[in-house]
Amino acid sequence: MAAKKNSAEKTAKKISINPKKMSSFFAWDGDILILNVLGTPGAKQDVIGKVKGNQLKISVTEAPRAGKATDHMVKFLAKEFDVSTSDIVVVFGRMNINKQLRIKAPKNLPSVIARLA
C-alpha cells in the first residue's frame, strides 16, 4: 500500500500548482479541488477557519508528530467535503504547516469555499 501512496504523491507533485501563483486559496482542475492550507496542529478543536493570504487556515486537535496531524486533517476534511480519505492527496507539506491538498470530486463545500466558488 505504501507503493500506491508514493505513486499517487509523485503524480500529484507533477501536477501541483505553485501556491504563490494562485489568485486564491483554492482552484479547480476539472472536478479536483486544489486547496492551499495553513495548518494549526494541537488546537482545541478541529475547525476550518478563515482565509489568510492565499491559504485557508485549518486547525486540528492532533499534535504535530511524524505527520499525524496531517493524517488527522485529511480524515477531518474527508468528512467536511463528504469524500473518502483516499480522495484527498497531500501534494506537499505532510510534515509542515504549509500544505497543498487535492480533493477529488467533493460532494460538499464548506461555506468559506462555497460562497466564492
N, C-alpha and C. Protein backbone atom coordinates (compact mmCIF):
# COMPACT_ATOMS: atom_id res chain seq x y z
N MET A 1 0.81 -1.18 0.00
CA MET A 1 0.00 0.00 0.00
C MET A 1 0.87 1.26 0.00
N ALA A 2 2.04 1.19 0.59
CA ALA A 2 2.94 2.34 0.60
C ALA A 2 3.35 2.71 -0.82
N ALA A 3 3.51 1.71 -1.68
CA ALA A 3 3.89 1.98 -3.06
C ALA A 3 2.79 2.75 -3.78
N LYS A 4 1.53 2.41 -3.52
CA LYS A 4 0.42 3.12 -4.13
C LYS A 4 0.40 4.58 -3.68
N LYS A 5 0.58 4.80 -2.39
CA LYS A 5 0.56 6.15 -1.85
C LYS A 5 1.70 6.97 -2.44
N ASN A 6 2.89 6.40 -2.49
CA ASN A 6 4.02 7.12 -3.06
C ASN A 6 3.80 7.45 -4.52
N SER A 7 3.20 6.54 -5.27
CA SER A 7 2.90 6.77 -6.67
C SER A 7 1.90 7.91 -6.82
N ALA A 8 0.86 7.92 -5.99
CA ALA A 8 -0.14 8.99 -6.03
C ALA A 8 0.48 10.33 -5.66
N GLU A 9 1.34 10.34 -4.66
CA GLU A 9 2.00 11.57 -4.26
C GLU A 9 2.92 12.09 -5.36
N LYS A 10 3.65 11.19 -6.04
CA LYS A 10 4.53 11.61 -7.12
C LYS A 10 3.73 12.20 -8.27
N THR A 11 2.59 11.57 -8.61
CA THR A 11 1.73 12.09 -9.67
C THR A 11 1.21 13.45 -9.27
N ALA A 12 0.77 13.60 -8.03
CA ALA A 12 0.22 14.87 -7.56
C ALA A 12 1.29 15.96 -7.60
N LYS A 13 2.53 15.63 -7.25
CA LYS A 13 3.59 16.63 -7.27
C LYS A 13 3.83 17.13 -8.68
N LYS A 14 3.72 16.26 -9.65
CA LYS A 14 3.93 16.66 -11.03
C LYS A 14 2.88 17.67 -11.49
N ILE A 15 1.68 17.59 -10.93
CA ILE A 15 0.60 18.45 -11.38
C ILE A 15 0.19 19.46 -10.31
N SER A 16 1.08 19.73 -9.38
CA SER A 16 0.78 20.72 -8.35
C SER A 16 0.84 22.12 -8.96
N ILE A 17 0.14 23.03 -8.33
CA ILE A 17 0.12 24.41 -8.76
C ILE A 17 0.89 25.22 -7.73
N ASN A 18 1.78 26.06 -8.19
CA ASN A 18 2.56 26.90 -7.29
C ASN A 18 1.60 27.77 -6.48
N PRO A 19 1.57 27.63 -5.15
CA PRO A 19 0.62 28.39 -4.33
C PRO A 19 0.79 29.90 -4.45
N LYS A 20 2.01 30.36 -4.75
CA LYS A 20 2.23 31.80 -4.89
C LYS A 20 1.60 32.34 -6.17
N LYS A 21 1.34 31.47 -7.14
CA LYS A 21 0.75 31.91 -8.40
C LYS A 21 -0.77 31.78 -8.41
N MET A 22 -1.32 31.14 -7.39
CA MET A 22 -2.78 31.02 -7.31
C MET A 22 -3.34 32.35 -6.82
N SER A 23 -4.44 32.80 -7.43
CA SER A 23 -5.03 34.08 -7.04
C SER A 23 -5.90 33.94 -5.80
N SER A 24 -6.18 32.73 -5.40
CA SER A 24 -7.00 32.47 -4.23
C SER A 24 -6.39 31.29 -3.48
N PHE A 25 -7.02 30.90 -2.39
CA PHE A 25 -6.53 29.75 -1.62
C PHE A 25 -6.98 28.44 -2.23
N PHE A 26 -7.85 28.51 -3.26
CA PHE A 26 -8.29 27.28 -3.92
C PHE A 26 -8.39 27.51 -5.42
N ALA A 27 -8.36 26.40 -6.15
CA ALA A 27 -8.54 26.42 -7.60
C ALA A 27 -9.16 25.08 -8.00
N TRP A 28 -9.74 25.05 -9.17
CA TRP A 28 -10.32 23.80 -9.69
C TRP A 28 -9.49 23.31 -10.86
N ASP A 29 -9.26 22.00 -10.89
CA ASP A 29 -8.63 21.32 -12.00
C ASP A 29 -9.61 20.24 -12.42
N GLY A 30 -10.56 20.60 -13.26
CA GLY A 30 -11.66 19.68 -13.58
C GLY A 30 -12.53 19.52 -12.35
N ASP A 31 -12.70 18.28 -11.90
CA ASP A 31 -13.52 18.04 -10.69
C ASP A 31 -12.65 17.93 -9.43
N ILE A 32 -11.38 18.30 -9.55
CA ILE A 32 -10.47 18.23 -8.40
C ILE A 32 -10.28 19.63 -7.82
N LEU A 33 -10.53 19.74 -6.52
CA LEU A 33 -10.33 20.99 -5.80
C LEU A 33 -8.90 21.02 -5.27
N ILE A 34 -8.15 22.04 -5.66
CA ILE A 34 -6.80 22.24 -5.17
C ILE A 34 -6.89 23.26 -4.05
N LEU A 35 -6.38 22.91 -2.90
CA LEU A 35 -6.56 23.72 -1.70
C LEU A 35 -5.21 23.99 -1.04
N ASN A 36 -4.88 25.27 -0.87
CA ASN A 36 -3.67 25.65 -0.13
C ASN A 36 -4.07 25.85 1.32
N VAL A 37 -3.34 25.21 2.23
CA VAL A 37 -3.72 25.17 3.64
C VAL A 37 -2.59 25.69 4.52
N LEU A 38 -2.98 26.44 5.54
CA LEU A 38 -2.10 26.80 6.64
C LEU A 38 -2.62 26.03 7.84
N GLY A 39 -1.91 24.98 8.22
CA GLY A 39 -2.37 24.10 9.29
C GLY A 39 -1.97 24.58 10.67
N THR A 40 -2.84 24.31 11.62
CA THR A 40 -2.54 24.59 13.03
C THR A 40 -2.78 23.31 13.81
N PRO A 41 -1.71 22.57 14.16
CA PRO A 41 -1.87 21.36 14.96
C PRO A 41 -2.03 21.69 16.43
N GLY A 42 -2.52 20.74 17.20
CA GLY A 42 -2.64 20.89 18.65
C GLY A 42 -3.68 21.91 19.07
N ALA A 43 -4.69 22.13 18.25
CA ALA A 43 -5.75 23.10 18.57
C ALA A 43 -6.77 22.49 19.52
N LYS A 44 -7.67 23.32 20.03
CA LYS A 44 -8.71 22.84 20.94
C LYS A 44 -9.78 22.04 20.22
N GLN A 45 -9.99 22.37 18.93
CA GLN A 45 -11.00 21.64 18.16
C GLN A 45 -10.61 21.62 16.69
N ASP A 46 -11.18 20.68 15.96
CA ASP A 46 -10.98 20.61 14.52
C ASP A 46 -11.91 21.63 13.88
N VAL A 47 -11.34 22.54 13.11
CA VAL A 47 -12.18 23.59 12.52
C VAL A 47 -11.53 24.15 11.25
N ILE A 48 -12.39 24.48 10.30
CA ILE A 48 -11.95 25.21 9.10
C ILE A 48 -12.11 26.68 9.44
N GLY A 49 -11.01 27.41 9.37
CA GLY A 49 -11.01 28.81 9.79
C GLY A 49 -11.15 29.78 8.64
N LYS A 50 -10.49 30.90 8.78
CA LYS A 50 -10.57 31.99 7.81
C LYS A 50 -9.44 31.89 6.80
N VAL A 51 -9.58 32.69 5.76
CA VAL A 51 -8.55 32.77 4.73
C VAL A 51 -7.46 33.72 5.21
N LYS A 52 -6.22 33.30 4.99
CA LYS A 52 -5.07 34.15 5.31
C LYS A 52 -4.18 34.19 4.07
N GLY A 53 -4.22 35.29 3.35
CA GLY A 53 -3.48 35.39 2.09
C GLY A 53 -4.02 34.41 1.08
N ASN A 54 -3.15 33.54 0.58
CA ASN A 54 -3.60 32.53 -0.39
C ASN A 54 -3.68 31.14 0.26
N GLN A 55 -3.98 31.12 1.57
CA GLN A 55 -4.14 29.86 2.29
C GLN A 55 -5.39 29.88 3.15
N LEU A 56 -5.96 28.71 3.35
CA LEU A 56 -7.10 28.54 4.25
C LEU A 56 -6.58 27.96 5.55
N LYS A 57 -6.89 28.61 6.66
CA LYS A 57 -6.43 28.13 7.96
C LYS A 57 -7.31 26.96 8.40
N ILE A 58 -6.67 25.86 8.75
CA ILE A 58 -7.38 24.68 9.24
C ILE A 58 -6.67 24.22 10.51
N SER A 59 -7.44 24.14 11.60
CA SER A 59 -6.90 23.72 12.88
C SER A 59 -7.35 22.30 13.18
N VAL A 60 -6.44 21.52 13.75
CA VAL A 60 -6.77 20.15 14.15
C VAL A 60 -6.25 19.89 15.56
N THR A 61 -6.87 18.96 16.24
CA THR A 61 -6.53 18.66 17.63
C THR A 61 -5.28 17.80 17.77
N GLU A 62 -4.92 17.09 16.75
CA GLU A 62 -3.75 16.18 16.81
C GLU A 62 -2.45 16.97 16.95
N ALA A 63 -1.53 16.44 17.74
CA ALA A 63 -0.21 17.06 17.92
C ALA A 63 0.64 16.83 16.67
N PRO A 64 1.58 17.74 16.40
CA PRO A 64 2.41 17.62 15.20
C PRO A 64 3.56 16.64 15.36
N ARG A 65 3.26 15.35 15.24
CA ARG A 65 4.29 14.32 15.37
C ARG A 65 4.25 13.38 14.18
N ALA A 66 5.34 13.35 13.43
CA ALA A 66 5.53 12.40 12.33
C ALA A 66 4.38 12.39 11.32
N GLY A 67 3.81 13.56 11.03
CA GLY A 67 2.74 13.65 10.04
C GLY A 67 1.37 13.26 10.55
N LYS A 68 1.24 12.95 11.84
CA LYS A 68 -0.05 12.52 12.37
C LYS A 68 -1.09 13.63 12.34
N ALA A 69 -0.67 14.89 12.50
CA ALA A 69 -1.61 16.00 12.43
C ALA A 69 -2.17 16.12 11.02
N THR A 70 -1.33 15.92 10.01
CA THR A 70 -1.80 15.98 8.63
C THR A 70 -2.75 14.82 8.34
N ASP A 71 -2.42 13.64 8.82
CA ASP A 71 -3.31 12.49 8.63
C ASP A 71 -4.67 12.76 9.28
N HIS A 72 -4.65 13.35 10.46
CA HIS A 72 -5.89 13.70 11.16
C HIS A 72 -6.66 14.75 10.36
N MET A 73 -5.94 15.72 9.80
CA MET A 73 -6.57 16.76 8.98
C MET A 73 -7.27 16.15 7.77
N VAL A 74 -6.63 15.19 7.13
CA VAL A 74 -7.23 14.53 5.97
C VAL A 74 -8.53 13.84 6.37
N LYS A 75 -8.53 13.15 7.51
CA LYS A 75 -9.75 12.48 7.99
C LYS A 75 -10.85 13.51 8.28
N PHE A 76 -10.48 14.60 8.92
CA PHE A 76 -11.43 15.67 9.23
C PHE A 76 -12.01 16.28 7.95
N LEU A 77 -11.13 16.58 7.00
CA LEU A 77 -11.59 17.20 5.75
C LEU A 77 -12.41 16.24 4.90
N ALA A 78 -12.12 14.95 4.97
CA ALA A 78 -12.92 13.97 4.23
C ALA A 78 -14.38 14.04 4.67
N LYS A 79 -14.60 14.19 5.97
CA LYS A 79 -15.97 14.33 6.47
C LYS A 79 -16.57 15.66 6.02
N GLU A 80 -15.80 16.73 6.11
CA GLU A 80 -16.30 18.06 5.74
C GLU A 80 -16.66 18.16 4.26
N PHE A 81 -15.87 17.53 3.40
CA PHE A 81 -16.11 17.59 1.95
C PHE A 81 -16.93 16.40 1.45
N ASP A 82 -17.30 15.49 2.35
CA ASP A 82 -18.10 14.31 2.02
C ASP A 82 -17.44 13.46 0.94
N VAL A 83 -16.16 13.13 1.18
CA VAL A 83 -15.40 12.24 0.30
C VAL A 83 -14.69 11.22 1.17
N SER A 84 -14.11 10.22 0.55
CA SER A 84 -13.31 9.26 1.32
C SER A 84 -11.90 9.83 1.50
N THR A 85 -11.20 9.31 2.48
CA THR A 85 -9.84 9.80 2.73
C THR A 85 -8.92 9.53 1.53
N SER A 86 -9.21 8.49 0.77
CA SER A 86 -8.39 8.19 -0.41
C SER A 86 -8.61 9.20 -1.54
N ASP A 87 -9.66 10.02 -1.45
CA ASP A 87 -9.92 11.06 -2.44
C ASP A 87 -9.14 12.34 -2.15
N ILE A 88 -8.40 12.37 -1.05
CA ILE A 88 -7.61 13.54 -0.69
C ILE A 88 -6.13 13.17 -0.75
N VAL A 89 -5.39 13.92 -1.55
CA VAL A 89 -3.95 13.70 -1.71
C VAL A 89 -3.22 14.92 -1.16
N VAL A 90 -2.25 14.68 -0.31
CA VAL A 90 -1.38 15.75 0.19
C VAL A 90 -0.27 15.90 -0.84
N VAL A 91 -0.32 16.98 -1.61
CA VAL A 91 0.66 17.20 -2.67
C VAL A 91 2.01 17.53 -2.05
N PHE A 92 2.02 18.47 -1.10
CA PHE A 92 3.23 18.78 -0.35
C PHE A 92 2.85 19.29 1.03
N GLY A 93 3.80 19.21 1.96
CA GLY A 93 3.60 19.75 3.29
C GLY A 93 3.12 18.76 4.33
N ARG A 94 3.31 17.48 4.11
CA ARG A 94 2.82 16.50 5.09
C ARG A 94 3.41 16.74 6.48
N MET A 95 4.66 17.20 6.54
CA MET A 95 5.31 17.45 7.82
C MET A 95 5.56 18.94 8.03
N ASN A 96 4.67 19.78 7.47
CA ASN A 96 4.84 21.22 7.52
C ASN A 96 3.47 21.85 7.69
N ILE A 97 3.43 23.08 8.19
CA ILE A 97 2.12 23.74 8.34
C ILE A 97 1.59 24.25 7.01
N ASN A 98 2.46 24.45 6.03
CA ASN A 98 2.05 24.89 4.70
C ASN A 98 1.85 23.65 3.83
N LYS A 99 0.62 23.51 3.32
CA LYS A 99 0.26 22.30 2.57
C LYS A 99 -0.51 22.64 1.31
N GLN A 100 -0.50 21.71 0.38
CA GLN A 100 -1.42 21.78 -0.74
C GLN A 100 -2.10 20.42 -0.83
N LEU A 101 -3.42 20.45 -0.91
CA LEU A 101 -4.22 19.24 -0.99
C LEU A 101 -4.98 19.22 -2.30
N ARG A 102 -5.23 18.03 -2.80
CA ARG A 102 -6.10 17.82 -3.97
C ARG A 102 -7.24 16.94 -3.51
N ILE A 103 -8.45 17.46 -3.65
CA ILE A 103 -9.64 16.75 -3.19
C ILE A 103 -10.47 16.39 -4.41
N LYS A 104 -10.61 15.10 -4.64
CA LYS A 104 -11.31 14.61 -5.83
C LYS A 104 -12.82 14.66 -5.64
N ALA A 105 -13.49 15.38 -6.53
CA ALA A 105 -14.96 15.46 -6.61
C ALA A 105 -15.64 15.66 -5.26
N PRO A 106 -15.36 16.77 -4.57
CA PRO A 106 -16.03 17.00 -3.28
C PRO A 106 -17.54 17.12 -3.46
N LYS A 107 -18.28 16.45 -2.60
CA LYS A 107 -19.74 16.47 -2.66
C LYS A 107 -20.31 17.62 -1.84
N ASN A 108 -19.51 18.16 -0.93
CA ASN A 108 -19.93 19.26 -0.08
C ASN A 108 -18.79 20.28 -0.04
N LEU A 109 -19.15 21.57 -0.10
CA LEU A 109 -18.15 22.62 0.03
C LEU A 109 -18.43 23.42 1.29
N PRO A 110 -17.44 23.54 2.18
CA PRO A 110 -17.62 24.39 3.35
C PRO A 110 -17.95 25.82 2.91
N SER A 111 -18.63 26.56 3.74
CA SER A 111 -19.15 27.88 3.36
C SER A 111 -18.06 28.84 2.88
N VAL A 112 -16.88 28.78 3.45
CA VAL A 112 -15.80 29.68 3.05
C VAL A 112 -15.41 29.48 1.59
N ILE A 113 -15.61 28.28 1.07
CA ILE A 113 -15.33 27.98 -0.34
C ILE A 113 -16.58 28.15 -1.19
N ALA A 114 -17.72 27.69 -0.69
CA ALA A 114 -18.96 27.72 -1.45
C ALA A 114 -19.36 29.14 -1.85
N ARG A 115 -19.12 30.12 -0.99
CA ARG A 115 -19.53 31.48 -1.32
C ARG A 115 -18.64 32.12 -2.38
N LEU A 116 -17.46 31.53 -2.63
CA LEU A 116 -16.55 32.05 -3.65
C LEU A 116 -16.54 31.23 -4.92
N ALA A 117 -17.01 30.00 -4.84
CA ALA A 117 -16.96 29.09 -5.99
C ALA A 117 -18.01 29.41 -7.04
